[in-house]
Amino acid sequence: MTQPPTQPGTVGHLRLLLLALSTFICLMTPLELLLLNHLEKPWQWIPFVALGALAVANAVVWRRPSASTVRGYQGLMLVMLVVGLLGVFFHLRQNYGMSLELAPEAVGWGRIQETLKGAAPALAPGLFAQLGLLGLIFTYHHPALESDR
C-alpha cells in the first residue's frame, strides 16, 4: 500500500484546518436546525443529509486522499453549492408568498424587506454554498491530483 500524498508545511496545515472547519460546521449546524425544529416536512431533512454526506466525505478525503477521492469530493462540493443556492431560492420564495399575505400593501423596497425578514431565514442556506467553496479551496492544487496535471 502506498503512502497517501501529503503536503508538508503551511499549505498542508491549511488544508487540515479547512477540513477541520468544514467538519466543525457539519457537526454544529444540525444542532441549530434541531433547535429551529427544521424537521416538519420531508424536504427539511435535506440539510441533515447534505451535512452528513459532507462529514463522511471530509473523513474519507482526510484519511485516503487519492485522485479519485479528491475528484469525488470536488463533485460533492459542487452539489453543496447547488443545494445552498436552491435553499436560498426556496426560502426567499416561501417568504415572498407569506409577505404577499401578511403585507399586501408592501411594494418595492418594502416587499424586498418583508421577503428577507420572513420566517424562513432567507440567507441561511447560503451556508451550504460557503461549505462548497471551502471544499473547493481545499482541493485547489491538491497533491493527490498531481497525476492529473
N, C-alpha and C. Protein backbone atom coordinates (compact mmCIF):
# COMPACT_ATOMS: atom_id res chain seq x y z
N MET A 1 0.85 -1.18 0.00
CA MET A 1 0.00 0.00 0.00
C MET A 1 0.89 1.24 0.00
N THR A 2 0.62 2.14 -0.91
CA THR A 2 1.43 3.34 -1.00
C THR A 2 0.94 4.39 -0.02
N GLN A 3 1.85 5.22 0.37
CA GLN A 3 1.53 6.30 1.30
C GLN A 3 0.68 7.35 0.58
N PRO A 4 -0.42 7.83 1.20
CA PRO A 4 -1.23 8.85 0.53
C PRO A 4 -0.44 10.13 0.35
N PRO A 5 -0.72 10.86 -0.72
CA PRO A 5 0.02 12.09 -0.94
C PRO A 5 -0.31 13.12 0.15
N THR A 6 0.71 13.69 0.69
CA THR A 6 0.53 14.73 1.71
C THR A 6 1.28 15.97 1.27
N GLN A 7 1.01 17.03 1.93
CA GLN A 7 1.67 18.28 1.60
C GLN A 7 2.24 18.85 2.89
N PRO A 8 3.55 18.85 3.00
CA PRO A 8 4.16 19.36 4.23
C PRO A 8 4.07 20.88 4.31
N GLY A 9 4.32 21.39 5.47
CA GLY A 9 4.42 22.83 5.64
C GLY A 9 3.09 23.53 5.79
N THR A 10 3.13 24.82 5.56
CA THR A 10 1.98 25.68 5.79
C THR A 10 0.77 25.28 4.96
N VAL A 11 0.97 24.97 3.70
CA VAL A 11 -0.17 24.62 2.84
C VAL A 11 -0.84 23.35 3.34
N GLY A 12 -0.07 22.36 3.75
CA GLY A 12 -0.64 21.14 4.29
C GLY A 12 -1.43 21.39 5.57
N HIS A 13 -0.90 22.26 6.42
CA HIS A 13 -1.61 22.60 7.65
C HIS A 13 -2.91 23.36 7.34
N LEU A 14 -2.84 24.26 6.37
CA LEU A 14 -4.05 25.00 6.00
C LEU A 14 -5.12 24.06 5.44
N ARG A 15 -4.68 23.05 4.68
CA ARG A 15 -5.66 22.06 4.18
C ARG A 15 -6.35 21.35 5.34
N LEU A 16 -5.58 20.95 6.33
CA LEU A 16 -6.17 20.28 7.50
C LEU A 16 -7.12 21.21 8.26
N LEU A 17 -6.74 22.47 8.36
CA LEU A 17 -7.61 23.43 9.05
C LEU A 17 -8.92 23.65 8.28
N LEU A 18 -8.84 23.67 6.95
CA LEU A 18 -10.06 23.80 6.15
C LEU A 18 -10.99 22.62 6.39
N LEU A 19 -10.43 21.42 6.42
CA LEU A 19 -11.24 20.23 6.69
C LEU A 19 -11.81 20.27 8.10
N ALA A 20 -11.00 20.70 9.06
CA ALA A 20 -11.47 20.78 10.44
C ALA A 20 -12.62 21.78 10.57
N LEU A 21 -12.49 22.93 9.92
CA LEU A 21 -13.54 23.94 9.96
C LEU A 21 -14.82 23.40 9.31
N SER A 22 -14.68 22.76 8.17
CA SER A 22 -15.84 22.19 7.48
C SER A 22 -16.52 21.14 8.35
N THR A 23 -15.73 20.30 8.99
CA THR A 23 -16.29 19.25 9.85
C THR A 23 -16.98 19.85 11.07
N PHE A 24 -16.39 20.87 11.65
CA PHE A 24 -17.00 21.55 12.78
C PHE A 24 -18.38 22.11 12.40
N ILE A 25 -18.45 22.74 11.24
CA ILE A 25 -19.73 23.28 10.77
C ILE A 25 -20.73 22.15 10.54
N CYS A 26 -20.24 21.01 10.02
CA CYS A 26 -21.12 19.85 9.79
C CYS A 26 -21.69 19.30 11.09
N LEU A 27 -20.97 19.45 12.16
CA LEU A 27 -21.44 18.94 13.46
C LEU A 27 -22.32 19.95 14.19
N MET A 28 -22.05 21.23 14.04
CA MET A 28 -22.79 22.25 14.78
C MET A 28 -24.10 22.64 14.10
N THR A 29 -24.12 22.70 12.81
CA THR A 29 -25.32 23.16 12.10
C THR A 29 -26.54 22.29 12.37
N PRO A 30 -26.41 20.95 12.39
CA PRO A 30 -27.60 20.14 12.71
C PRO A 30 -28.19 20.47 14.09
N LEU A 31 -27.35 20.82 15.04
CA LEU A 31 -27.87 21.20 16.36
C LEU A 31 -28.75 22.44 16.26
N GLU A 32 -28.30 23.41 15.50
CA GLU A 32 -29.09 24.62 15.30
C GLU A 32 -30.39 24.30 14.57
N LEU A 33 -30.31 23.45 13.56
CA LEU A 33 -31.52 23.07 12.82
C LEU A 33 -32.52 22.34 13.71
N LEU A 34 -32.01 21.51 14.60
CA LEU A 34 -32.90 20.82 15.54
C LEU A 34 -33.58 21.82 16.48
N LEU A 35 -32.82 22.81 16.95
CA LEU A 35 -33.40 23.84 17.82
C LEU A 35 -34.48 24.64 17.10
N LEU A 36 -34.33 24.78 15.79
CA LEU A 36 -35.31 25.51 14.99
C LEU A 36 -36.45 24.62 14.52
N ASN A 37 -36.44 23.36 14.96
CA ASN A 37 -37.46 22.38 14.57
C ASN A 37 -37.55 22.25 13.04
N HIS A 38 -36.40 22.13 12.43
CA HIS A 38 -36.29 22.03 10.97
C HIS A 38 -36.53 20.59 10.53
N LEU A 39 -37.64 20.02 10.97
CA LEU A 39 -37.94 18.61 10.73
C LEU A 39 -39.38 18.37 10.31
N GLU A 40 -40.15 19.43 10.16
CA GLU A 40 -41.58 19.27 9.97
C GLU A 40 -41.98 18.66 8.63
N LYS A 41 -41.24 18.98 7.59
CA LYS A 41 -41.56 18.49 6.25
C LYS A 41 -40.39 17.67 5.71
N PRO A 42 -40.66 16.73 4.82
CA PRO A 42 -39.58 15.86 4.33
C PRO A 42 -38.39 16.62 3.72
N TRP A 43 -38.66 17.70 2.98
CA TRP A 43 -37.55 18.43 2.35
C TRP A 43 -36.71 19.18 3.37
N GLN A 44 -37.20 19.32 4.59
CA GLN A 44 -36.40 19.97 5.62
C GLN A 44 -35.29 19.06 6.15
N TRP A 45 -35.29 17.82 5.71
CA TRP A 45 -34.22 16.89 6.08
C TRP A 45 -33.03 17.00 5.13
N ILE A 46 -33.19 17.70 4.02
CA ILE A 46 -32.10 17.82 3.04
C ILE A 46 -30.82 18.34 3.69
N PRO A 47 -30.87 19.38 4.52
CA PRO A 47 -29.62 19.86 5.13
C PRO A 47 -28.94 18.80 5.99
N PHE A 48 -29.73 17.99 6.70
CA PHE A 48 -29.13 16.94 7.54
C PHE A 48 -28.40 15.92 6.67
N VAL A 49 -29.02 15.53 5.57
CA VAL A 49 -28.40 14.56 4.66
C VAL A 49 -27.14 15.15 4.03
N ALA A 50 -27.23 16.39 3.57
CA ALA A 50 -26.08 17.04 2.94
C ALA A 50 -24.92 17.19 3.92
N LEU A 51 -25.22 17.60 5.14
CA LEU A 51 -24.16 17.76 6.15
C LEU A 51 -23.56 16.42 6.55
N GLY A 52 -24.39 15.39 6.64
CA GLY A 52 -23.87 14.06 6.95
C GLY A 52 -22.97 13.55 5.85
N ALA A 53 -23.38 13.74 4.59
CA ALA A 53 -22.55 13.32 3.46
C ALA A 53 -21.23 14.08 3.46
N LEU A 54 -21.28 15.35 3.76
CA LEU A 54 -20.05 16.15 3.79
C LEU A 54 -19.12 15.69 4.92
N ALA A 55 -19.67 15.40 6.09
CA ALA A 55 -18.84 14.94 7.20
C ALA A 55 -18.13 13.64 6.83
N VAL A 56 -18.85 12.72 6.20
CA VAL A 56 -18.24 11.45 5.76
C VAL A 56 -17.18 11.72 4.70
N ALA A 57 -17.51 12.58 3.73
CA ALA A 57 -16.54 12.89 2.67
C ALA A 57 -15.29 13.56 3.25
N ASN A 58 -15.46 14.42 4.25
CA ASN A 58 -14.29 15.04 4.90
C ASN A 58 -13.38 13.97 5.49
N ALA A 59 -13.98 12.99 6.16
CA ALA A 59 -13.18 11.91 6.76
C ALA A 59 -12.48 11.09 5.70
N VAL A 60 -13.17 10.78 4.61
CA VAL A 60 -12.58 9.96 3.55
C VAL A 60 -11.42 10.69 2.88
N VAL A 61 -11.62 11.94 2.53
CA VAL A 61 -10.57 12.68 1.82
C VAL A 61 -9.39 12.97 2.75
N TRP A 62 -9.64 13.01 4.04
CA TRP A 62 -8.55 13.21 5.01
C TRP A 62 -7.75 11.92 5.18
N ARG A 63 -8.44 10.78 5.31
CA ARG A 63 -7.76 9.50 5.56
C ARG A 63 -7.20 8.86 4.29
N ARG A 64 -7.88 9.03 3.16
CA ARG A 64 -7.47 8.38 1.92
C ARG A 64 -7.47 9.38 0.76
N PRO A 65 -6.54 10.34 0.79
CA PRO A 65 -6.53 11.36 -0.26
C PRO A 65 -5.92 10.85 -1.57
N SER A 66 -6.74 10.23 -2.38
CA SER A 66 -6.30 9.78 -3.70
C SER A 66 -6.95 10.67 -4.76
N ALA A 67 -6.52 10.52 -5.99
CA ALA A 67 -7.11 11.33 -7.06
C ALA A 67 -8.61 11.10 -7.14
N SER A 68 -9.04 9.85 -6.99
CA SER A 68 -10.48 9.57 -7.10
C SER A 68 -11.28 10.14 -5.93
N THR A 69 -10.74 10.06 -4.71
CA THR A 69 -11.49 10.61 -3.58
C THR A 69 -11.54 12.14 -3.65
N VAL A 70 -10.46 12.76 -4.08
CA VAL A 70 -10.45 14.22 -4.18
C VAL A 70 -11.39 14.68 -5.30
N ARG A 71 -11.41 13.96 -6.42
CA ARG A 71 -12.35 14.30 -7.51
C ARG A 71 -13.80 14.11 -7.04
N GLY A 72 -14.07 13.03 -6.33
CA GLY A 72 -15.41 12.82 -5.79
C GLY A 72 -15.79 13.93 -4.82
N TYR A 73 -14.82 14.34 -4.02
CA TYR A 73 -15.03 15.44 -3.07
C TYR A 73 -15.38 16.72 -3.82
N GLN A 74 -14.67 16.98 -4.90
CA GLN A 74 -14.98 18.17 -5.70
C GLN A 74 -16.41 18.11 -6.24
N GLY A 75 -16.82 16.92 -6.67
CA GLY A 75 -18.19 16.76 -7.14
C GLY A 75 -19.21 17.06 -6.05
N LEU A 76 -18.93 16.56 -4.85
CA LEU A 76 -19.83 16.83 -3.73
C LEU A 76 -19.86 18.32 -3.40
N MET A 77 -18.73 18.99 -3.55
CA MET A 77 -18.70 20.43 -3.27
C MET A 77 -19.56 21.20 -4.26
N LEU A 78 -19.59 20.74 -5.50
CA LEU A 78 -20.47 21.38 -6.48
C LEU A 78 -21.94 21.14 -6.11
N VAL A 79 -22.24 19.94 -5.62
CA VAL A 79 -23.60 19.65 -5.15
C VAL A 79 -23.95 20.56 -3.98
N MET A 80 -23.01 20.76 -3.08
CA MET A 80 -23.24 21.64 -1.93
C MET A 80 -23.55 23.07 -2.39
N LEU A 81 -22.82 23.53 -3.40
CA LEU A 81 -23.10 24.85 -3.95
C LEU A 81 -24.53 24.94 -4.47
N VAL A 82 -24.95 23.93 -5.21
CA VAL A 82 -26.31 23.91 -5.77
C VAL A 82 -27.34 23.84 -4.64
N VAL A 83 -27.10 22.99 -3.64
CA VAL A 83 -28.02 22.88 -2.50
C VAL A 83 -28.17 24.24 -1.82
N GLY A 84 -27.06 24.94 -1.64
CA GLY A 84 -27.11 26.25 -1.00
C GLY A 84 -27.91 27.26 -1.80
N LEU A 85 -27.66 27.32 -3.09
CA LEU A 85 -28.37 28.28 -3.94
C LEU A 85 -29.86 27.94 -4.03
N LEU A 86 -30.18 26.67 -4.17
CA LEU A 86 -31.58 26.26 -4.20
C LEU A 86 -32.27 26.56 -2.86
N GLY A 87 -31.56 26.32 -1.77
CA GLY A 87 -32.13 26.61 -0.46
C GLY A 87 -32.45 28.08 -0.28
N VAL A 88 -31.55 28.95 -0.72
CA VAL A 88 -31.82 30.39 -0.64
C VAL A 88 -33.05 30.72 -1.48
N PHE A 89 -33.12 30.15 -2.69
CA PHE A 89 -34.27 30.40 -3.56
C PHE A 89 -35.57 29.97 -2.89
N PHE A 90 -35.61 28.76 -2.34
CA PHE A 90 -36.84 28.26 -1.73
C PHE A 90 -37.23 29.05 -0.47
N HIS A 91 -36.24 29.45 0.32
CA HIS A 91 -36.54 30.26 1.49
C HIS A 91 -37.11 31.62 1.07
N LEU A 92 -36.49 32.22 0.05
CA LEU A 92 -36.99 33.51 -0.43
C LEU A 92 -38.39 33.37 -1.02
N ARG A 93 -38.62 32.29 -1.76
CA ARG A 93 -39.93 32.07 -2.36
C ARG A 93 -41.01 31.91 -1.27
N GLN A 94 -40.67 31.14 -0.24
CA GLN A 94 -41.61 30.96 0.86
C GLN A 94 -41.91 32.29 1.55
N ASN A 95 -40.86 33.05 1.83
CA ASN A 95 -41.04 34.34 2.49
C ASN A 95 -41.82 35.32 1.61
N TYR A 96 -41.57 35.28 0.32
CA TYR A 96 -42.28 36.17 -0.60
C TYR A 96 -43.78 35.86 -0.56
N GLY A 97 -44.11 34.59 -0.63
CA GLY A 97 -45.51 34.18 -0.57
C GLY A 97 -46.18 34.64 0.72
N MET A 98 -45.48 34.47 1.81
CA MET A 98 -46.03 34.90 3.10
C MET A 98 -46.16 36.42 3.17
N SER A 99 -45.20 37.13 2.58
CA SER A 99 -45.27 38.60 2.62
C SER A 99 -46.45 39.11 1.80
N LEU A 100 -46.82 38.40 0.74
CA LEU A 100 -47.99 38.80 -0.04
C LEU A 100 -49.26 38.70 0.79
N GLU A 101 -49.30 37.69 1.66
CA GLU A 101 -50.48 37.50 2.51
C GLU A 101 -50.48 38.46 3.70
N LEU A 102 -49.32 38.61 4.35
CA LEU A 102 -49.26 39.39 5.59
C LEU A 102 -49.12 40.88 5.37
N ALA A 103 -48.50 41.28 4.27
CA ALA A 103 -48.29 42.71 4.00
C ALA A 103 -48.59 42.99 2.53
N PRO A 104 -49.85 42.85 2.11
CA PRO A 104 -50.17 43.04 0.70
C PRO A 104 -49.91 44.46 0.20
N GLU A 105 -49.83 45.41 1.11
CA GLU A 105 -49.60 46.80 0.71
C GLU A 105 -48.13 47.08 0.40
N ALA A 106 -47.23 46.19 0.81
CA ALA A 106 -45.80 46.42 0.61
C ALA A 106 -45.45 46.34 -0.88
N VAL A 107 -44.67 47.29 -1.34
CA VAL A 107 -44.20 47.30 -2.73
C VAL A 107 -42.73 47.71 -2.74
N GLY A 108 -42.06 47.40 -3.83
CA GLY A 108 -40.67 47.82 -3.99
C GLY A 108 -39.77 47.35 -2.87
N TRP A 109 -39.05 48.32 -2.28
CA TRP A 109 -38.10 48.01 -1.21
C TRP A 109 -38.82 47.39 -0.01
N GLY A 110 -40.01 47.81 0.26
CA GLY A 110 -40.79 47.24 1.36
C GLY A 110 -41.05 45.76 1.16
N ARG A 111 -41.37 45.36 -0.08
CA ARG A 111 -41.59 43.94 -0.38
C ARG A 111 -40.28 43.15 -0.21
N ILE A 112 -39.19 43.73 -0.66
CA ILE A 112 -37.89 43.07 -0.52
C ILE A 112 -37.57 42.86 0.95
N GLN A 113 -37.79 43.88 1.76
CA GLN A 113 -37.51 43.76 3.19
C GLN A 113 -38.39 42.70 3.84
N GLU A 114 -39.67 42.69 3.50
CA GLU A 114 -40.57 41.67 4.05
C GLU A 114 -40.13 40.27 3.65
N THR A 115 -39.66 40.13 2.43
CA THR A 115 -39.21 38.82 1.93
C THR A 115 -37.94 38.39 2.66
N LEU A 116 -37.00 39.31 2.84
CA LEU A 116 -35.74 38.97 3.50
C LEU A 116 -35.92 38.70 4.99
N LYS A 117 -36.89 39.36 5.63
CA LYS A 117 -37.09 39.22 7.07
C LYS A 117 -38.12 38.15 7.42
N GLY A 118 -38.57 37.37 6.46
CA GLY A 118 -39.62 36.39 6.70
C GLY A 118 -39.23 35.30 7.68
N ALA A 119 -40.17 34.40 7.91
CA ALA A 119 -39.98 33.33 8.89
C ALA A 119 -38.84 32.38 8.51
N ALA A 120 -38.69 32.11 7.23
CA ALA A 120 -37.58 31.25 6.80
C ALA A 120 -36.35 32.14 6.65
N PRO A 121 -35.27 31.82 7.38
CA PRO A 121 -34.07 32.67 7.27
C PRO A 121 -33.54 32.63 5.84
N ALA A 122 -33.73 33.72 5.13
CA ALA A 122 -33.53 33.76 3.69
C ALA A 122 -32.12 33.37 3.25
N LEU A 123 -31.13 33.79 3.95
CA LEU A 123 -29.76 33.56 3.50
C LEU A 123 -29.07 32.40 4.21
N ALA A 124 -29.74 31.80 5.19
CA ALA A 124 -29.13 30.70 5.95
C ALA A 124 -28.67 29.53 5.07
N PRO A 125 -29.44 29.12 4.05
CA PRO A 125 -28.95 28.01 3.22
C PRO A 125 -27.68 28.35 2.45
N GLY A 126 -27.35 29.62 2.37
CA GLY A 126 -26.09 30.02 1.74
C GLY A 126 -24.88 29.38 2.42
N LEU A 127 -25.08 28.92 3.65
CA LEU A 127 -24.01 28.21 4.36
C LEU A 127 -23.51 27.03 3.53
N PHE A 128 -24.43 26.36 2.83
CA PHE A 128 -24.03 25.20 2.04
C PHE A 128 -23.19 25.62 0.84
N ALA A 129 -23.50 26.75 0.25
CA ALA A 129 -22.67 27.27 -0.83
C ALA A 129 -21.28 27.63 -0.29
N GLN A 130 -21.25 28.19 0.91
CA GLN A 130 -19.96 28.52 1.53
C GLN A 130 -19.15 27.26 1.81
N LEU A 131 -19.81 26.22 2.29
CA LEU A 131 -19.11 24.95 2.54
C LEU A 131 -18.58 24.37 1.23
N GLY A 132 -19.37 24.50 0.16
CA GLY A 132 -18.91 24.02 -1.14
C GLY A 132 -17.67 24.77 -1.60
N LEU A 133 -17.67 26.07 -1.44
CA LEU A 133 -16.50 26.86 -1.82
C LEU A 133 -15.30 26.53 -0.93
N LEU A 134 -15.53 26.34 0.35
CA LEU A 134 -14.47 25.96 1.28
C LEU A 134 -13.83 24.64 0.83
N GLY A 135 -14.67 23.68 0.45
CA GLY A 135 -14.17 22.40 -0.02
C GLY A 135 -13.40 22.51 -1.33
N LEU A 136 -13.87 23.36 -2.23
CA LEU A 136 -13.15 23.55 -3.49
C LEU A 136 -11.79 24.21 -3.24
N ILE A 137 -11.73 25.12 -2.27
CA ILE A 137 -10.45 25.71 -1.89
C ILE A 137 -9.52 24.62 -1.35
N PHE A 138 -10.06 23.71 -0.54
CA PHE A 138 -9.28 22.60 0.00
C PHE A 138 -8.65 21.78 -1.14
N THR A 139 -9.37 21.58 -2.22
CA THR A 139 -8.87 20.72 -3.31
C THR A 139 -7.97 21.45 -4.30
N TYR A 140 -7.87 22.76 -4.19
CA TYR A 140 -7.07 23.54 -5.13
C TYR A 140 -5.60 23.07 -5.10
N HIS A 141 -5.11 22.63 -6.23
CA HIS A 141 -3.74 22.10 -6.37
C HIS A 141 -3.44 21.03 -5.32
N HIS A 142 -4.42 20.20 -5.02
CA HIS A 142 -4.22 19.13 -4.05
C HIS A 142 -3.16 18.16 -4.58
N PRO A 143 -2.23 17.72 -3.73
CA PRO A 143 -1.15 16.83 -4.21
C PRO A 143 -1.67 15.51 -4.79
N ALA A 144 -2.82 15.04 -4.37
CA ALA A 144 -3.36 13.79 -4.91
C ALA A 144 -3.75 13.95 -6.38
N LEU A 145 -3.91 15.17 -6.83
CA LEU A 145 -4.29 15.43 -8.22
C LEU A 145 -3.08 15.69 -9.12
N GLU A 146 -1.89 15.57 -8.57
CA GLU A 146 -0.68 15.83 -9.35
C GLU A 146 -0.60 14.95 -10.59
N SER A 147 -1.08 13.71 -10.50
CA SER A 147 -1.02 12.82 -11.64
C SER A 147 -1.99 13.25 -12.74
N ASP A 148 -3.00 14.06 -12.38
CA ASP A 148 -3.97 14.55 -13.37
C ASP A 148 -3.42 15.72 -14.18
N ARG A 149 -2.36 16.34 -13.70
CA ARG A 149 -1.84 17.54 -14.38
C ARG A 149 -0.77 17.20 -15.37
